[in-house]
Amino acid sequence: MKIGIIGAGAMGSAMVKAFEEHELLVCDRTLKKIEALGIKNGFTDPGEMISQVDVVVFAVRPQGFKTLAESIKIDMASKMIVSVMAGISIKELQAATGSKRVIRCMPNLAIKVGKGVTAWTASDAAGDNFRNFIQDTLGRVGVTIEILEEQIDTIIAISGSGLAYFFALTETLTEAAEKMGIPTKQAHLLAEKTLVGSGQLMASESRSAGEWKREIMVPGGTTEAGIRELKKRGFDKIVIGAAEAVQRRAKELSE
């Protein structure tokens, strides 16, 4: 199957990893971005690329989708459409492309290393073959869940943006180490390797995050003091608030 990806930014380049077993074409306004991905079939004209593929993947900023769609003069009614854009509904994608076979998916950037989380939803007309294709393809670069379209904004807030929360925590732990006298290079190493190790530890056994936390948090010990301080300062509310802010912004993009 021939796959055409429009957009060679962060998510577009991540989708290259997901579809690498297929014949892949990529379109972007900047050819250097495509060349950096090692893609031989690069285009700057979306229509020229679309005419040669079976599946069109839109991996552009949602704010620019309307203008992009209006600039494409080729008939897309026979194409299968995949979108990784927030805020653009299935109905809007169908109207803009003329295709009834549409799948919206929300992968996170970890698909680049085969550890992604991808939620997806399909139009009624997508068909079992298209659904199975997406399920199998994205399943090779992580875990997938099929959801209702109205749940997508929540998915963005949790697994989509969740990676950034993780990185923000890493930055903050680094700053804490530096503040307490650890040299910068060592502070980075301590924070980054601790959090990477935490993820690997959680993935190693079928325990919940809470169970792992309680194993480390000995009653009356040092970790318990730290967790109590997090709760005292509203850590739970801060994280939930961040997720709610992402959800609100995703809804705004769809209005």
C-alpha atoms as a PDB file:
ATOM      1  CA  MET A   1       0.000   0.000   0.000  1.00  0.00           C
ATOM      2  CA  LYS A   2       1.250   3.499  -0.844  1.00  0.00           C
ATOM      3  CA  ILE A   3       1.177   5.985   2.023  1.00  0.00           C
ATOM      4  CA  GLY A   4       1.492   9.744   1.609  1.00  0.00           C
ATOM      5  CA  ILE A   5       2.256  11.922   4.631  1.00  0.00           C
ATOM      6  CA  ILE A   6       1.641  15.658   4.447  1.00  0.00           C
ATOM      7  CA  GLY A   7       3.839  17.418   6.981  1.00  0.00           C
ATOM      8  CA  ALA A   8       7.392  16.521   8.012  1.00  0.00           C
ATOM      9  CA  GLY A   9       7.364  18.150  11.429  1.00  0.00           C
ATOM     10  CA  ALA A  10       7.579  16.365  14.773  1.00  0.00           C
ATOM     11  CA  MET A  11       4.449  14.242  14.352  1.00  0.00           C
ATOM     12  CA  GLY A  12       4.867  13.735  10.622  1.00  0.00           C
ATOM     13  CA  SER A  13       8.375  12.420  11.116  1.00  0.00           C
ATOM     14  CA  ALA A  14       7.107  10.153  13.899  1.00  0.00           C
ATOM     15  CA  MET A  15       4.447   8.753  11.549  1.00  0.00           C
ATOM     16  CA  VAL A  16       7.224   7.866   9.105  1.00  0.00           C
ATOM     17  CA  LYS A  17       8.381   5.340  11.693  1.00  0.00           C
ATOM     18  CA  ALA A  18       4.884   3.870  11.934  1.00  0.00           C
ATOM     19  CA  PHE A  19       4.505   3.393   8.183  1.00  0.00           C
ATOM     20  CA  GLU A  20       8.092   2.458   7.341  1.00  0.00           C
ATOM     21  CA  GLU A  21       7.130  -1.035   6.128  1.00  0.00           C
ATOM     22  CA  HIS A  22       5.036   0.472   3.315  1.00  0.00           C
ATOM     23  CA  GLU A  23       5.933   2.473   0.232  1.00  0.00           C
ATOM     24  CA  LEU A  24       6.156   5.939   1.709  1.00  0.00           C
ATOM     25  CA  LEU A  25       5.902   9.392   0.171  1.00  0.00           C
ATOM     26  CA  VAL A  26       6.213  12.621   2.149  1.00  0.00           C
ATOM     27  CA  CYS A  27       5.197  16.177   1.314  1.00  0.00           C
ATOM     28  CA  ASP A  28       6.401  19.317   3.048  1.00  0.00           C
ATOM     29  CA  ARG A  29       7.096  22.909   2.066  1.00  0.00           C
ATOM     30  CA  THR A  30      10.736  22.305   3.016  1.00  0.00           C
ATOM     31  CA  LEU A  31      12.495  19.499   1.160  1.00  0.00           C
ATOM     32  CA  LYS A  32      15.371  19.515   3.649  1.00  0.00           C
ATOM     33  CA  LYS A  33      13.001  18.188   6.322  1.00  0.00           C
ATOM     34  CA  ILE A  34      12.075  15.280   4.084  1.00  0.00           C
ATOM     35  CA  GLU A  35      15.690  14.560   3.172  1.00  0.00           C
ATOM     36  CA  ALA A  36      16.578  14.521   6.888  1.00  0.00           C
ATOM     37  CA  LEU A  37      14.122  11.640   7.304  1.00  0.00           C
ATOM     38  CA  GLY A  38      15.879   9.605   4.634  1.00  0.00           C
ATOM     39  CA  ILE A  39      12.810   9.672   2.375  1.00  0.00           C
ATOM     40  CA  LYS A  40      13.564   9.450  -1.340  1.00  0.00           C
ATOM     41  CA  ASN A  41      10.043  10.246  -2.521  1.00  0.00           C
ATOM     42  CA  GLY A  42       9.740  13.851  -1.404  1.00  0.00           C
ATOM     43  CA  PHE A  43       7.273  16.475  -2.659  1.00  0.00           C
ATOM     44  CA  THR A  44       6.445  20.109  -2.067  1.00  0.00           C
ATOM     45  CA  ASP A  45       3.143  19.916  -3.984  1.00  0.00           C
ATOM     46  CA  PRO A  46       0.477  17.988  -2.017  1.00  0.00           C
ATOM     47  CA  GLY A  47      -1.631  17.291  -5.090  1.00  0.00           C
ATOM     48  CA  GLU A  48       1.256  15.700  -6.949  1.00  0.00           C
ATOM     49  CA  MET A  49       1.896  13.355  -4.040  1.00  0.00           C
ATOM     50  CA  ILE A  50      -1.768  12.547  -3.376  1.00  0.00           C
ATOM     51  CA  SER A  51      -2.273  11.406  -6.963  1.00  0.00           C
ATOM     52  CA  GLN A  52       0.220   8.578  -6.344  1.00  0.00           C
ATOM     53  CA  VAL A  53      -0.953   7.158  -3.000  1.00  0.00           C
ATOM     54  CA  ASP A  54      -3.754   5.076  -1.489  1.00  0.00           C
ATOM     55  CA  VAL A  55      -3.689   6.622   1.990  1.00  0.00           C
ATOM     56  CA  VAL A  56      -3.234  10.320   2.772  1.00  0.00           C
ATOM     57  CA  VAL A  57      -1.979  11.179   6.264  1.00  0.00           C
ATOM     58  CA  PHE A  58      -2.517  14.775   7.384  1.00  0.00           C
ATOM     59  CA  ALA A  59       0.157  15.660   9.955  1.00  0.00           C
ATOM     60  CA  VAL A  60       0.011  19.453   9.813  1.00  0.00           C
ATOM     61  CA  ARG A  61      -1.012  22.072  12.341  1.00  0.00           C
ATOM     62  CA  PRO A  62      -4.816  22.195  12.540  1.00  0.00           C
ATOM     63  CA  GLN A  63      -4.768  25.976  12.116  1.00  0.00           C
ATOM     64  CA  GLY A  64      -3.361  25.514   8.627  1.00  0.00           C
ATOM     65  CA  PHE A  65      -5.554  22.630   7.478  1.00  0.00           C
ATOM     66  CA  LYS A  66      -8.370  24.662   5.908  1.00  0.00           C
ATOM     67  CA  THR A  67      -5.979  26.629   3.700  1.00  0.00           C
ATOM     68  CA  LEU A  68      -4.099  23.458   2.791  1.00  0.00           C
ATOM     69  CA  ALA A  69      -7.268  21.577   1.870  1.00  0.00           C
ATOM     70  CA  GLU A  70      -8.498  24.452  -0.293  1.00  0.00           C
ATOM     71  CA  SER A  71      -5.175  24.489  -2.151  1.00  0.00           C
ATOM     72  CA  ILE A  72      -5.454  20.810  -3.117  1.00  0.00           C
ATOM     73  CA  LYS A  73      -7.252  20.558  -6.447  1.00  0.00           C
ATOM     74  CA  ILE A  74      -6.972  16.802  -6.956  1.00  0.00           C
ATOM     75  CA  ASP A  75     -10.007  14.604  -6.197  1.00  0.00           C
ATOM     76  CA  MET A  76      -9.488  12.740  -2.910  1.00  0.00           C
ATOM     77  CA  ALA A  77     -12.832  10.913  -2.807  1.00  0.00           C
ATOM     78  CA  SER A  78     -11.209   7.542  -3.502  1.00  0.00           C
ATOM     79  CA  LYS A  79      -8.415   7.995  -0.956  1.00  0.00           C
ATOM     80  CA  MET A  80      -8.286   6.719   2.604  1.00  0.00           C
ATOM     81  CA  ILE A  81      -7.702   9.653   4.956  1.00  0.00           C
ATOM     82  CA  VAL A  82      -5.771   9.545   8.228  1.00  0.00           C
ATOM     83  CA  SER A  83      -5.541  12.619  10.444  1.00  0.00           C
ATOM     84  CA  VAL A  84      -3.300  13.212  13.447  1.00  0.00           C
ATOM     85  CA  MET A  85      -4.590  16.765  13.861  1.00  0.00           C
ATOM     86  CA  ALA A  86      -6.341  18.009  16.982  1.00  0.00           C
ATOM     87  CA  GLY A  87      -9.592  19.898  16.564  1.00  0.00           C
ATOM     88  CA  ILE A  88     -10.525  18.753  13.047  1.00  0.00           C
ATOM     89  CA  SER A  89     -13.533  16.434  13.210  1.00  0.00           C
ATOM     90  CA  ILE A  90     -14.281  13.462  10.986  1.00  0.00           C
ATOM     91  CA  LYS A  91     -17.155  15.401   9.393  1.00  0.00           C
ATOM     92  CA  GLU A  92     -14.835  18.332   8.642  1.00  0.00           C
ATOM     93  CA  LEU A  93     -12.241  15.989   7.155  1.00  0.00           C
ATOM     94  CA  GLN A  94     -14.892  14.333   4.990  1.00  0.00           C
ATOM     95  CA  ALA A  95     -16.162  17.693   3.786  1.00  0.00           C
ATOM     96  CA  ALA A  96     -12.680  19.013   3.041  1.00  0.00           C
ATOM     97  CA  THR A  97     -11.389  15.925   1.231  1.00  0.00           C
ATOM     98  CA  GLY A  98     -14.525  14.429  -0.292  1.00  0.00           C
ATOM     99  CA  SER A  99     -13.576  11.037   1.126  1.00  0.00           C
ATOM    100  CA  LYS A 100     -15.917   9.123   3.409  1.00  0.00           C
ATOM    101  CA  ARG A 101     -13.187   6.742   4.620  1.00  0.00           C
ATOM    102  CA  VAL A 102     -11.599   8.732   7.423  1.00  0.00           C
ATOM    103  CA  ILE A 103      -9.689   7.762  10.556  1.00  0.00           C
ATOM    104  CA  ARG A 104      -8.594  10.205  13.241  1.00  0.00           C
ATOM    105  CA  CYS A 105      -5.736   9.011  15.412  1.00  0.00           C
ATOM    106  CA  MET A 106      -3.890  10.599  18.292  1.00  0.00           C
ATOM    107  CA  PRO A 107      -0.451   9.012  18.643  1.00  0.00           C
ATOM    108  CA  ASN A 108       2.126  10.416  20.976  1.00  0.00           C
ATOM    109  CA  LEU A 109       5.715  11.066  20.013  1.00  0.00           C
ATOM    110  CA  ALA A 110       6.937   7.837  21.616  1.00  0.00           C
ATOM    111  CA  ILE A 111       5.923   5.969  18.446  1.00  0.00           C
ATOM    112  CA  LYS A 112       9.370   7.052  17.216  1.00  0.00           C
ATOM    113  CA  VAL A 113      10.904   4.490  19.571  1.00  0.00           C
ATOM    114  CA  GLY A 114       8.178   1.856  19.308  1.00  0.00           C
ATOM    115  CA  LYS A 115       6.660   2.781  22.690  1.00  0.00           C
ATOM    116  CA  GLY A 116       3.808   4.973  21.568  1.00  0.00           C
ATOM    117  CA  VAL A 117       0.238   5.221  22.755  1.00  0.00           C
ATOM    118  CA  THR A 118      -2.260   5.788  19.946  1.00  0.00           C
ATOM    119  CA  ALA A 119      -5.989   6.315  20.312  1.00  0.00           C
ATOM    120  CA  TRP A 120      -8.050   6.211  17.135  1.00  0.00           C
ATOM    121  CA  THR A 121     -11.598   6.484  15.851  1.00  0.00           C
ATOM    122  CA  ALA A 122     -13.051   5.825  12.412  1.00  0.00           C
ATOM    123  CA  SER A 123     -15.926   7.035  10.282  1.00  0.00           C
ATOM    124  CA  ASP A 124     -18.797   4.606   9.703  1.00  0.00           C
ATOM    125  CA  ALA A 125     -17.685   4.245   6.081  1.00  0.00           C
ATOM    126  CA  ALA A 126     -14.040   3.481   6.903  1.00  0.00           C
ATOM    127  CA  GLY A 127     -14.529  -0.272   6.507  1.00  0.00           C
ATOM    128  CA  ASP A 128     -12.977  -3.222   8.309  1.00  0.00           C
ATOM    129  CA  ASN A 129      -9.917  -3.425   6.030  1.00  0.00           C
ATOM    130  CA  PHE A 130      -8.955   0.188   6.714  1.00  0.00           C
ATOM    131  CA  ARG A 131      -9.615  -0.190  10.444  1.00  0.00           C
ATOM    132  CA  ASN A 132      -7.502  -3.346  10.636  1.00  0.00           C
ATOM    133  CA  PHE A 133      -4.731  -1.684   8.642  1.00  0.00           C
ATOM    134  CA  ILE A 134      -4.492   1.217  11.106  1.00  0.00           C
ATOM    135  CA  GLN A 135      -4.783  -1.059  14.134  1.00  0.00           C
ATOM    136  CA  ASP A 136      -1.998  -3.344  12.890  1.00  0.00           C
ATOM    137  CA  THR A 137       0.283  -0.578  11.608  1.00  0.00           C
ATOM    138  CA  LEU A 138       0.159   1.588  14.720  1.00  0.00           C
ATOM    139  CA  GLY A 139       0.230  -1.483  16.928  1.00  0.00           C
ATOM    140  CA  ARG A 140       3.758  -2.160  15.696  1.00  0.00           C
ATOM    141  CA  VAL A 141       4.999   1.079  17.250  1.00  0.00           C
ATOM    142  CA  GLY A 142       3.215   0.875  20.591  1.00  0.00           C
ATOM    143  CA  VAL A 143      -0.205   0.217  22.047  1.00  0.00           C
ATOM    144  CA  THR A 144      -3.500   1.273  20.449  1.00  0.00           C
ATOM    145  CA  ILE A 145      -7.013   1.843  21.737  1.00  0.00           C
ATOM    146  CA  GLU A 146     -10.162   2.483  19.735  1.00  0.00           C
ATOM    147  CA  ILE A 147     -12.262   5.298  21.196  1.00  0.00           C
ATOM    148  CA  LEU A 148     -15.301   7.451  20.501  1.00  0.00           C
ATOM    149  CA  GLU A 149     -14.550  10.679  18.658  1.00  0.00           C
ATOM    150  CA  GLU A 150     -15.823  12.804  21.557  1.00  0.00           C
ATOM    151  CA  GLN A 151     -13.074  11.303  23.735  1.00  0.00           C
ATOM    152  CA  ILE A 152     -10.213  12.550  21.572  1.00  0.00           C
ATOM    153  CA  ASP A 153      -9.711  15.831  23.438  1.00  0.00           C
ATOM    154  CA  THR A 154      -9.231  13.863  26.656  1.00  0.00           C
ATOM    155  CA  ILE A 155      -6.754  11.527  24.966  1.00  0.00           C
ATOM    156  CA  ILE A 156      -4.722  14.544  23.834  1.00  0.00           C
ATOM    157  CA  ALA A 157      -4.660  15.832  27.414  1.00  0.00           C
ATOM    158  CA  ILE A 158      -3.409  12.548  28.853  1.00  0.00           C
ATOM    159  CA  SER A 159      -1.251  10.519  26.458  1.00  0.00           C
ATOM    160  CA  GLY A 160      -0.621  13.196  23.813  1.00  0.00           C
ATOM    161  CA  SER A 161       0.619  15.930  26.124  1.00  0.00           C
ATOM    162  CA  GLY A 162       1.576  13.567  28.952  1.00  0.00           C
ATOM    163  CA  LEU A 163       5.068  13.169  27.527  1.00  0.00           C
ATOM    164  CA  ALA A 164       5.621  16.905  27.964  1.00  0.00           C
ATOM    165  CA  TYR A 165       4.544  16.693  31.620  1.00  0.00           C
ATOM    166  CA  PHE A 166       7.119  13.935  32.074  1.00  0.00           C
ATOM    167  CA  PHE A 167       9.833  16.078  30.476  1.00  0.00           C
ATOM    168  CA  ALA A 168       8.766  19.069  32.588  1.00  0.00           C
ATOM    169  CA  LEU A 169       9.174  16.953  35.728  1.00  0.00           C
ATOM    170  CA  THR A 170      12.635  15.919  34.522  1.00  0.00           C
ATOM    171  CA  GLU A 171      13.592  19.579  34.065  1.00  0.00           C
ATOM    172  CA  THR A 172      12.295  20.449  37.520  1.00  0.00           C
ATOM    173  CA  LEU A 173      14.152  17.575  39.196  1.00  0.00           C
ATOM    174  CA  THR A 174      17.296  18.743  37.411  1.00  0.00           C
ATOM    175  CA  GLU A 175      16.792  22.255  38.767  1.00  0.00           C
ATOM    176  CA  ALA A 176      16.239  20.853  42.256  1.00  0.00           C
ATOM    177  CA  ALA A 177      19.487  18.889  42.088  1.00  0.00           C
ATOM    178  CA  GLU A 178      21.388  21.969  40.929  1.00  0.00           C
ATOM    179  CA  LYS A 179      19.847  24.084  43.690  1.00  0.00           C
ATOM    180  CA  MET A 180      21.050  21.533  46.242  1.00  0.00           C
ATOM    181  CA  GLY A 181      24.616  21.690  44.982  1.00  0.00           C
ATOM    182  CA  ILE A 182      24.890  19.017  42.273  1.00  0.00           C
ATOM    183  CA  PRO A 183      26.870  20.164  39.188  1.00  0.00           C
ATOM    184  CA  THR A 184      24.706  20.736  36.103  1.00  0.00           C
ATOM    185  CA  LYS A 185      25.942  17.770  34.057  1.00  0.00           C
ATOM    186  CA  GLN A 186      25.459  15.362  36.935  1.00  0.00           C
ATOM    187  CA  ALA A 187      22.075  16.900  37.783  1.00  0.00           C
ATOM    188  CA  HIS A 188      20.843  16.201  34.234  1.00  0.00           C
ATOM    189  CA  LEU A 189      22.079  12.624  34.430  1.00  0.00           C
ATOM    190  CA  LEU A 190      20.482  12.003  37.822  1.00  0.00           C
ATOM    191  CA  ALA A 191      17.072  13.346  36.813  1.00  0.00           C
ATOM    192  CA  GLU A 192      16.884  11.835  33.336  1.00  0.00           C
ATOM    193  CA  LYS A 193      18.090   8.360  34.232  1.00  0.00           C
ATOM    194  CA  THR A 194      15.901   8.245  37.335  1.00  0.00           C
ATOM    195  CA  LEU A 195      12.748   8.946  35.327  1.00  0.00           C
ATOM    196  CA  VAL A 196      13.698   6.633  32.470  1.00  0.00           C
ATOM    197  CA  GLY A 197      14.376   3.907  35.016  1.00  0.00           C
ATOM    198  CA  SER A 198      11.007   4.567  36.660  1.00  0.00           C
ATOM    199  CA  GLY A 199       9.197   3.948  33.388  1.00  0.00           C
ATOM    200  CA  GLN A 200      11.130   0.779  32.699  1.00  0.00           C
ATOM    201  CA  LEU A 201      10.504  -0.469  36.231  1.00  0.00           C
ATOM    202  CA  MET A 202       6.758   0.088  35.899  1.00  0.00           C
ATOM    203  CA  ALA A 203       6.720  -1.705  32.543  1.00  0.00           C
ATOM    204  CA  SER A 204       8.636  -4.680  33.965  1.00  0.00           C
ATOM    205  CA  GLU A 205       5.778  -5.988  36.122  1.00  0.00           C
ATOM    206  CA  SER A 206       1.996  -5.750  36.206  1.00  0.00           C
ATOM    207  CA  ARG A 207       1.876  -3.432  39.194  1.00  0.00           C
ATOM    208  CA  SER A 208       0.132  -0.078  39.238  1.00  0.00           C
ATOM    209  CA  ALA A 209       2.019   3.176  39.644  1.00  0.00           C
ATOM    210  CA  GLY A 210       0.499   3.487  43.106  1.00  0.00           C
ATOM    211  CA  GLU A 211       1.842   0.101  44.135  1.00  0.00           C
ATOM    212  CA  TRP A 212       5.342   1.011  42.977  1.00  0.00           C
ATOM    213  CA  LYS A 213       5.097   4.327  44.809  1.00  0.00           C
ATOM    214  CA  ARG A 214       4.106   2.628  48.041  1.00  0.00           C
ATOM    215  CA  GLU A 215       6.999   0.174  47.734  1.00  0.00           C
ATOM    216  CA  ILE A 216       9.469   3.051  47.623  1.00  0.00           C
ATOM    217  CA  MET A 217       7.605   5.167  50.184  1.00  0.00           C
ATOM    218  CA  VAL A 218       8.597   3.503  53.466  1.00  0.00           C
ATOM    219  CA  PRO A 219       6.396   4.773  56.339  1.00  0.00           C
ATOM    220  CA  GLY A 220       8.181   7.543  58.200  1.00  0.00           C
ATOM    221  CA  GLY A 221      10.983   7.623  55.636  1.00  0.00           C
ATOM    222  CA  THR A 222      12.457  10.224  53.329  1.00  0.00           C
ATOM    223  CA  THR A 223      10.289   9.495  50.258  1.00  0.00           C
ATOM    224  CA  GLU A 224       7.125   9.745  52.328  1.00  0.00           C
ATOM    225  CA  ALA A 225       8.236  13.232  53.395  1.00  0.00           C
ATOM    226  CA  GLY A 226       8.645  14.205  49.749  1.00  0.00           C
ATOM    227  CA  ILE A 227       5.261  12.813  48.686  1.00  0.00           C
ATOM    228  CA  ARG A 228       3.563  14.590  51.593  1.00  0.00           C
ATOM    229  CA  GLU A 229       5.118  17.863  50.453  1.00  0.00           C
ATOM    230  CA  LEU A 230       3.896  17.294  46.890  1.00  0.00           C
ATOM    231  CA  LYS A 231       0.350  16.767  48.153  1.00  0.00           C
ATOM    232  CA  LYS A 232       0.621  19.765  50.489  1.00  0.00           C
ATOM    233  CA  ARG A 233       1.612  21.993  47.567  1.00  0.00           C
ATOM    234  CA  GLY A 234      -1.210  20.695  45.370  1.00  0.00           C
ATOM    235  CA  PHE A 235       0.747  18.428  43.018  1.00  0.00           C
ATOM    236  CA  ASP A 236      -2.373  16.413  42.131  1.00  0.00           C
ATOM    237  CA  LYS A 237      -4.385  19.549  41.371  1.00  0.00           C
ATOM    238  CA  ILE A 238      -1.548  20.983  39.272  1.00  0.00           C
ATOM    239  CA  VAL A 239      -1.301  17.902  37.042  1.00  0.00           C
ATOM    240  CA  ILE A 240      -5.078  17.544  36.695  1.00  0.00           C
ATOM    241  CA  GLY A 241      -5.303  21.264  35.946  1.00  0.00           C
ATOM    242  CA  ALA A 242      -2.687  20.936  33.210  1.00  0.00           C
ATOM    243  CA  ALA A 243      -4.649  18.103  31.596  1.00  0.00           C
ATOM    244  CA  GLU A 244      -7.867  20.114  31.783  1.00  0.00           C
ATOM    245  CA  ALA A 245      -6.131  23.103  30.168  1.00  0.00           C
ATOM    246  CA  VAL A 246      -5.020  20.903  27.249  1.00  0.00           C
ATOM    247  CA  GLN A 247      -8.541  19.519  26.918  1.00  0.00           C
ATOM    248  CA  ARG A 248     -10.014  23.038  26.810  1.00  0.00           C
ATOM    249  CA  ARG A 249      -7.519  24.143  24.166  1.00  0.00           C
ATOM    250  CA  ALA A 250      -8.269  21.083  22.035  1.00  0.00           C
ATOM    251  CA  LYS A 251     -11.981  21.941  22.190  1.00  0.00           C
ATOM    252  CA  GLU A 252     -11.224  25.552  21.219  1.00  0.00           C
ATOM    253  CA  LEU A 253      -9.397  24.346  18.109  1.00  0.00           C
ATOM    254  CA  SER A 254     -12.496  22.448  17.026  1.00  0.00           C
ATOM    255  CA  GLU A 255     -14.789  25.474  17.302  1.00  0.00           C
END
